[in-house]
């Protein structure tokens, strides 16, 4: 077993060292490639064959998710009609360690005829690919992690890491924010947290448990139990503005201290100036408020309607929406 672990460590050490070697070789070519991508008005086309093709697919996905429209083009298929996907406003990144793959010939020729800005990621700076590109990123490695030196290992790791560096540098140059990232990932936890607003998960006006301040506790109980969100009522004045709340906890405490609790007035036990939240606030903020003040519910207000409640939000609504 120790021999297996030693082999795994050897692979990781070689690949880690290969990435650090590329780091030391970074120069103006990286900046030139970044400028091409930044100035691109269309899509970024990624192309590569074999293992390079798999890396190209991943990098195209990374670019697309970080604000730069990108797609993968299979070099062999490009020679049979798929060249049409390349527009005049696009740019292209071609990945090939050797830079002489025959499947790339037609694609490189087409790109050069159309004067499409081309970035090469190759380990052979004297290759046809490198000499045809406007910017060249050197991905050569001193050794592959494969003990026979045959299977692409270190070279693909380096290509992936360098492509990620390019994508991250580009998103930083574009001023891409986490809110922008969430827009492209609405199905993930980040998307839910950053895109879901209170209005998306709250119970609307038809579910509001509201009473007047002069209502008796006897009249409050049916209202408190009849609505979707139970255990609380909002207290509103004649202008329909929220001036307080009564919870089931308030009623339980009243039962312990009053001789005639059911005939007590709401205004005598209500909590004044309750915590509220606006409908257009992020749901994540509502969760923060609930946790900070150890409360289960928030009445929801509309900025244009002042203190008039337009909805109610329960902690369980946020948990069901997976806002955490």
Protein backbone atom coordinates (compact mmCIF):
# COMPACT_ATOMS: atom_id res chain seq x y z
CA UNK A 1 0.00 0.00 0.00
CA UNK A 2 2.88 2.40 0.77
CA UNK A 3 4.16 1.94 -2.80
CA UNK A 4 0.76 3.01 -4.15
CA UNK A 5 0.73 6.12 -1.96
CA UNK A 6 4.29 6.94 -2.96
CA UNK A 7 3.29 6.74 -6.62
CA UNK A 8 0.29 9.01 -6.04
CA UNK A 9 2.50 11.54 -4.24
CA UNK A 10 5.01 11.39 -7.10
CA UNK A 11 2.29 12.25 -9.62
CA UNK A 12 0.99 15.14 -7.52
CA UNK A 13 4.49 16.52 -6.99
CA UNK A 14 5.30 16.43 -10.71
CA UNK A 15 2.03 18.09 -11.69
CA UNK A 16 2.31 20.73 -8.96
CA UNK A 17 5.88 21.49 -10.03
CA UNK A 18 4.76 21.76 -13.65
CA UNK A 19 2.18 24.40 -12.75
CA UNK A 20 4.80 26.40 -10.83
CA UNK A 21 7.14 26.22 -13.83
CA UNK A 22 4.43 27.70 -16.06
CA UNK A 23 3.81 30.39 -13.47
CA UNK A 24 7.44 31.48 -13.73
CA UNK A 25 7.20 31.61 -17.54
CA UNK A 26 4.20 33.97 -17.63
CA UNK A 27 5.02 37.05 -19.68
CA UNK A 28 3.54 39.58 -22.07
CA UNK A 29 1.97 36.82 -24.16
CA UNK A 30 -0.52 36.19 -21.35
CA UNK A 31 -1.42 39.88 -21.30
CA UNK A 32 -1.76 39.88 -25.09
CA UNK A 33 -4.13 36.92 -24.92
CA UNK A 34 -6.13 38.64 -22.18
CA UNK A 35 -6.44 41.79 -24.31
CA UNK A 36 -7.78 39.74 -27.24
CA UNK A 37 -10.43 38.19 -25.01
CA UNK A 38 -11.35 41.49 -23.37
CA UNK A 39 -11.79 43.22 -26.72
CA UNK A 40 -13.75 40.33 -28.26
CA UNK A 41 -17.28 41.49 -29.18
CA UNK A 42 -18.59 38.01 -29.92
CA UNK A 43 -18.01 34.51 -28.60
CA UNK A 44 -14.83 32.81 -27.49
CA UNK A 45 -14.46 29.58 -29.48
CA UNK A 46 -12.38 26.81 -27.87
CA UNK A 47 -10.98 23.98 -30.00
CA UNK A 48 -8.78 20.99 -29.36
CA UNK A 49 -8.57 17.32 -30.23
CA UNK A 50 -8.22 14.31 -27.92
CA UNK A 51 -7.31 15.18 -24.32
CA UNK A 52 -6.87 18.81 -25.37
CA UNK A 53 -10.46 18.75 -26.54
CA UNK A 54 -11.67 17.70 -23.10
CA UNK A 55 -9.73 20.56 -21.51
CA UNK A 56 -11.12 22.94 -24.13
CA UNK A 57 -14.69 21.91 -23.27
CA UNK A 58 -14.11 22.58 -19.59
CA UNK A 59 -12.53 25.99 -20.23
CA UNK A 60 -15.40 26.99 -22.52
CA UNK A 61 -17.79 26.15 -19.70
CA UNK A 62 -15.74 28.18 -17.21
CA UNK A 63 -15.70 31.20 -19.51
CA UNK A 64 -19.46 31.01 -20.09
CA UNK A 65 -20.18 30.85 -16.36
CA UNK A 66 -18.01 33.88 -15.65
CA UNK A 67 -19.56 36.33 -18.06
CA UNK A 68 -17.86 35.54 -21.38
CA UNK A 69 -19.97 33.65 -23.97
CA UNK A 70 -17.96 30.65 -25.07
CA UNK A 71 -18.40 27.27 -26.75
CA UNK A 72 -16.40 24.27 -27.83
CA UNK A 73 -15.81 23.48 -31.52
CA UNK A 74 -14.61 20.03 -32.50
CA UNK A 75 -11.79 20.51 -35.06
CA UNK A 76 -12.74 17.46 -37.14
CA UNK A 77 -16.40 18.45 -37.29
CA UNK A 78 -15.40 22.01 -38.19
CA UNK A 79 -14.10 20.73 -41.52
CA UNK A 80 -17.56 19.36 -42.34
CA UNK A 81 -19.69 22.46 -41.92
CA UNK A 82 -19.24 23.53 -38.29
CA UNK A 83 -16.87 26.36 -39.25
CA UNK A 84 -20.06 28.34 -39.74
CA UNK A 85 -20.36 28.76 -35.97
CA UNK A 86 -17.40 31.15 -36.01
CA UNK A 87 -18.49 34.76 -36.47
CA UNK A 88 -16.43 37.74 -37.54
CA UNK A 89 -16.69 39.26 -34.05
CA UNK A 90 -15.48 36.07 -32.35
CA UNK A 91 -12.03 35.01 -31.23
CA UNK A 92 -10.65 31.49 -30.90
CA UNK A 93 -8.41 29.58 -28.51
CA UNK A 94 -6.87 26.44 -30.01
CA UNK A 95 -5.27 23.94 -27.65
CA UNK A 96 -2.67 21.44 -28.87
CA UNK A 97 0.42 20.35 -26.96
CA UNK A 98 2.33 19.47 -30.12
CA UNK A 99 0.68 22.12 -32.27
CA UNK A 100 0.75 19.96 -35.39
CA UNK A 101 -2.41 17.84 -35.11
CA UNK A 102 -3.67 17.31 -38.68
CA UNK A 103 -7.29 17.84 -37.58
CA UNK A 104 -6.41 21.48 -36.85
CA UNK A 105 -5.17 22.35 -40.34
CA UNK A 106 -8.49 23.37 -41.90
CA UNK A 107 -9.58 25.26 -38.79
CA UNK A 108 -6.35 27.26 -38.57
CA UNK A 109 -6.51 28.06 -42.29
CA UNK A 110 -10.10 29.29 -42.04
CA UNK A 111 -9.38 31.46 -39.01
CA UNK A 112 -6.37 33.04 -40.70
CA UNK A 113 -8.30 33.77 -43.93
CA UNK A 114 -11.11 35.42 -41.96
CA UNK A 115 -8.60 37.31 -39.76
CA UNK A 116 -10.24 35.94 -36.60
CA UNK A 117 -8.04 36.70 -33.55
CA UNK A 118 -6.43 33.40 -32.51
CA UNK A 119 -4.78 32.41 -29.24
CA UNK A 120 -2.68 29.24 -29.19
CA UNK A 121 -2.10 27.12 -26.11
CA UNK A 122 0.74 24.82 -27.10
CA UNK A 123 3.94 23.27 -25.82
CA UNK A 124 5.66 23.65 -29.19
CA UNK A 125 6.45 27.30 -29.86
CA UNK A 126 7.83 26.42 -33.31
CA UNK A 127 4.67 24.65 -34.44
CA UNK A 128 2.35 25.74 -37.25
CA UNK A 129 -0.28 26.56 -34.62
CA UNK A 130 2.04 28.80 -32.62
CA UNK A 131 3.31 30.65 -35.70
CA UNK A 132 -0.26 31.27 -36.89
CA UNK A 133 -1.57 32.75 -33.61
CA UNK A 134 -1.65 36.36 -32.47
CA UNK A 135 -0.85 35.30 -28.90
CA UNK A 136 0.81 32.11 -27.68
CA UNK A 137 0.53 30.59 -24.21
CA UNK A 138 3.35 28.14 -23.52
CA UNK A 139 2.06 24.91 -21.91
CA UNK A 140 5.16 22.75 -22.26
CA UNK A 141 6.20 20.68 -19.25
CA UNK A 142 9.55 19.21 -18.29
CA UNK A 143 7.97 15.77 -17.77
CA UNK A 144 4.65 14.01 -17.85
CA UNK A 145 3.53 12.32 -14.63
CA UNK A 146 2.92 9.15 -16.62
CA UNK A 147 5.90 6.85 -15.79
CA UNK A 148 6.27 6.06 -19.50
CA UNK A 149 6.09 9.74 -20.43
CA UNK A 150 3.31 9.01 -22.89
CA UNK A 151 -0.14 9.76 -21.43
CA UNK A 152 -0.96 13.48 -21.23
CA UNK A 153 -0.97 14.19 -17.49
CA UNK A 154 1.17 17.12 -16.42
CA UNK A 155 0.54 18.84 -19.75
CA UNK A 156 -3.25 18.67 -19.43
CA UNK A 157 -3.08 19.81 -15.80
CA UNK A 158 -0.97 22.80 -16.80
CA UNK A 159 -3.32 23.64 -19.67
CA UNK A 160 -6.34 23.54 -17.38
CA UNK A 161 -4.66 25.68 -14.73
CA UNK A 162 -3.43 28.24 -17.26
CA UNK A 163 -6.89 28.39 -18.84
CA UNK A 164 -8.43 28.98 -15.43
CA UNK A 165 -5.91 31.76 -14.79
CA UNK A 166 -6.95 33.34 -18.07
CA UNK A 167 -10.65 33.09 -17.22
CA UNK A 168 -10.21 34.53 -13.73
CA UNK A 169 -8.00 37.37 -14.94
CA UNK A 170 -10.63 38.16 -17.58
CA UNK A 171 -13.55 38.23 -15.14
CA UNK A 172 -11.54 40.53 -12.87
CA UNK A 173 -10.74 42.84 -15.78
CA UNK A 174 -14.43 42.90 -16.74
CA UNK A 175 -15.51 43.70 -13.19
CA UNK A 176 -17.57 40.49 -12.94
CA UNK A 177 -19.34 40.26 -9.55
CA UNK A 178 -20.71 37.38 -7.50
CA UNK A 179 -24.21 38.65 -8.35
CA UNK A 180 -23.36 38.25 -12.03
CA UNK A 181 -22.08 34.74 -11.35
CA UNK A 182 -25.36 33.89 -9.62
CA UNK A 183 -27.30 34.96 -12.73
CA UNK A 184 -25.57 32.17 -14.66
CA UNK A 185 -26.11 29.64 -11.83
CA UNK A 186 -29.76 30.05 -10.81
CA UNK A 187 -30.07 26.36 -9.98
CA UNK A 188 -27.23 26.32 -7.45
CA UNK A 189 -27.13 27.35 -3.81
CA UNK A 190 -25.33 30.58 -4.67
CA UNK A 191 -28.01 31.46 -7.20
CA UNK A 192 -30.77 30.86 -4.67
CA UNK A 193 -29.03 33.01 -2.08
CA UNK A 194 -28.23 35.90 -4.38
CA UNK A 195 -31.27 35.91 -6.65
CA UNK A 196 -34.19 35.05 -4.36
CA UNK A 197 -36.04 38.04 -2.95
CA UNK A 198 -38.49 38.20 -0.06
CA UNK A 199 -41.34 38.69 -2.52
CA UNK A 200 -40.48 35.33 -4.12
CA UNK A 201 -41.07 33.31 -0.96
CA UNK A 202 -43.42 35.37 1.24
CA UNK A 203 -47.12 34.71 1.83
CA UNK A 204 -49.19 37.47 0.17
CA UNK A 205 -51.93 39.76 1.41
CA UNK A 206 -54.58 37.01 1.38
CA UNK A 207 -52.60 35.21 4.08
CA UNK A 208 -52.12 38.19 6.37
CA UNK A 209 -53.44 37.72 9.93
CA UNK A 210 -54.38 41.28 10.91
CA UNK A 211 -56.43 42.76 13.75
CA UNK A 212 -57.22 46.18 15.17
CA UNK A 213 -55.60 47.34 18.43
CA UNK A 214 -58.95 47.31 20.29
CA UNK A 215 -59.69 43.69 19.35
CA UNK A 216 -59.96 41.24 22.23
CA UNK A 217 -57.73 38.22 22.64
CA UNK A 218 -60.83 36.09 22.18
CA UNK A 219 -61.23 37.59 18.70
CA UNK A 220 -57.52 37.23 17.95
CA UNK A 221 -57.20 33.49 18.47
CA UNK A 222 -59.37 32.47 15.45
CA UNK A 223 -57.44 34.88 13.20
CA UNK A 224 -54.13 33.54 14.49
CA UNK A 225 -55.07 29.95 13.64
CA UNK A 226 -57.01 30.45 10.40
CA UNK A 227 -54.20 31.74 8.15
CA UNK A 228 -51.32 29.90 6.47
CA UNK A 229 -48.78 31.42 8.84
CA UNK A 230 -50.01 30.65 12.33
CA UNK A 231 -48.95 31.80 15.78
CA UNK A 232 -48.87 35.55 15.09
CA UNK A 233 -51.13 38.46 14.19
CA UNK A 234 -50.22 41.91 13.01
CA UNK A 235 -51.86 44.90 14.63
CA UNK A 236 -52.85 47.72 12.27
CA UNK A 237 -54.25 51.20 12.85
CA UNK A 238 -57.03 52.93 10.90
CA UNK A 239 -54.55 53.80 8.13
CA UNK A 240 -53.80 50.06 7.72
CA UNK A 241 -50.26 50.61 9.00
CA UNK A 242 -48.50 47.97 11.08
CA UNK A 243 -48.05 49.22 14.63
CA UNK A 244 -47.41 45.98 16.50
CA UNK A 245 -47.64 42.20 16.64
CA UNK A 246 -49.00 39.59 19.03
CA UNK A 247 -47.55 36.07 19.12
CA UNK A 248 -48.87 32.90 20.67
CA UNK A 249 -46.12 33.32 23.25
CA UNK A 250 -47.64 36.66 24.28
CA UNK A 251 -51.01 34.95 24.77
CA UNK A 252 -49.51 32.12 26.83
CA UNK A 253 -47.85 34.61 29.12
CA UNK A 254 -51.15 36.51 29.43
CA UNK A 255 -52.94 33.34 30.50
CA UNK A 256 -50.51 33.02 33.40
CA UNK A 257 -50.94 36.59 34.64
CA UNK A 258 -54.51 37.74 33.81
CA UNK A 259 -57.75 36.79 35.53
CA UNK A 260 -59.75 37.52 32.38
CA UNK A 261 -57.27 37.01 29.51
CA UNK A 262 -59.77 36.50 26.68
CA UNK A 263 -61.28 39.94 27.16
CA UNK A 264 -57.96 41.78 27.27
CA UNK A 265 -57.23 44.17 24.43
CA UNK A 266 -54.56 43.48 21.84
CA UNK A 267 -52.96 46.89 22.38
CA UNK A 268 -52.27 45.96 26.01
CA UNK A 269 -49.95 43.06 25.18
CA UNK A 270 -48.70 43.72 21.64
CA UNK A 271 -45.03 44.26 20.86
CA UNK A 272 -44.69 47.71 19.34
CA UNK A 273 -42.37 48.61 16.44
CA UNK A 274 -41.90 44.99 15.29
CA UNK A 275 -39.06 43.92 13.02
CA UNK A 276 -40.07 44.06 9.36
CA UNK A 277 -38.48 43.68 5.95
CA UNK A 278 -39.19 45.12 2.50
CA UNK A 279 -40.50 42.87 -0.24
CA UNK A 280 -37.66 43.71 -2.62
CA UNK A 281 -34.94 42.81 -0.12
CA UNK A 282 -32.91 39.65 -0.65
CA UNK A 283 -34.30 36.60 1.13
CA UNK A 284 -30.85 36.03 2.59
CA UNK A 285 -31.17 39.31 4.49
CA UNK A 286 -34.49 38.18 5.98
CA UNK A 287 -32.79 35.03 7.25
CA UNK A 288 -30.04 37.15 8.80
CA UNK A 289 -32.59 39.36 10.60
CA UNK A 290 -34.48 36.34 11.94
CA UNK A 291 -31.31 34.72 13.24
CA UNK A 292 -29.94 37.95 14.70
CA UNK A 293 -33.09 38.71 16.70
CA UNK A 294 -34.13 35.07 17.30
CA UNK A 295 -37.54 35.44 15.69
CA UNK A 296 -39.55 33.10 13.49
CA UNK A 297 -41.60 35.55 11.39
CA UNK A 298 -41.35 38.90 9.66
CA UNK A 299 -44.11 41.07 8.30
CA UNK A 300 -43.26 42.31 4.83
CA UNK A 301 -43.67 45.94 3.75
CA UNK A 302 -43.62 47.68 0.38
CA UNK A 303 -41.39 50.75 0.19
CA UNK A 304 -44.02 52.64 -1.79
CA UNK A 305 -46.79 51.85 0.70
CA UNK A 306 -44.97 52.86 3.86
CA UNK A 307 -45.86 50.75 6.88
CA UNK A 308 -48.76 48.91 5.27
CA UNK A 309 -48.02 45.15 5.36
CA UNK A 310 -48.14 43.33 2.02
CA UNK A 311 -47.03 39.90 3.16
CA UNK A 312 -45.61 37.73 5.88
CA UNK A 313 -42.53 35.52 5.92
CA UNK A 314 -41.82 32.51 8.14
CA UNK A 315 -38.42 31.01 8.83
CA UNK A 316 -39.65 27.72 7.38
CA UNK A 317 -40.34 29.47 4.06
CA UNK A 318 -36.66 30.38 3.83
CA UNK A 319 -35.51 26.91 4.80
CA UNK A 320 -37.76 25.31 2.19
CA UNK A 321 -36.32 27.66 -0.41
CA UNK A 322 -32.85 26.53 0.72
CA UNK A 323 -31.73 30.06 1.53
CA UNK A 324 -28.65 29.23 3.55
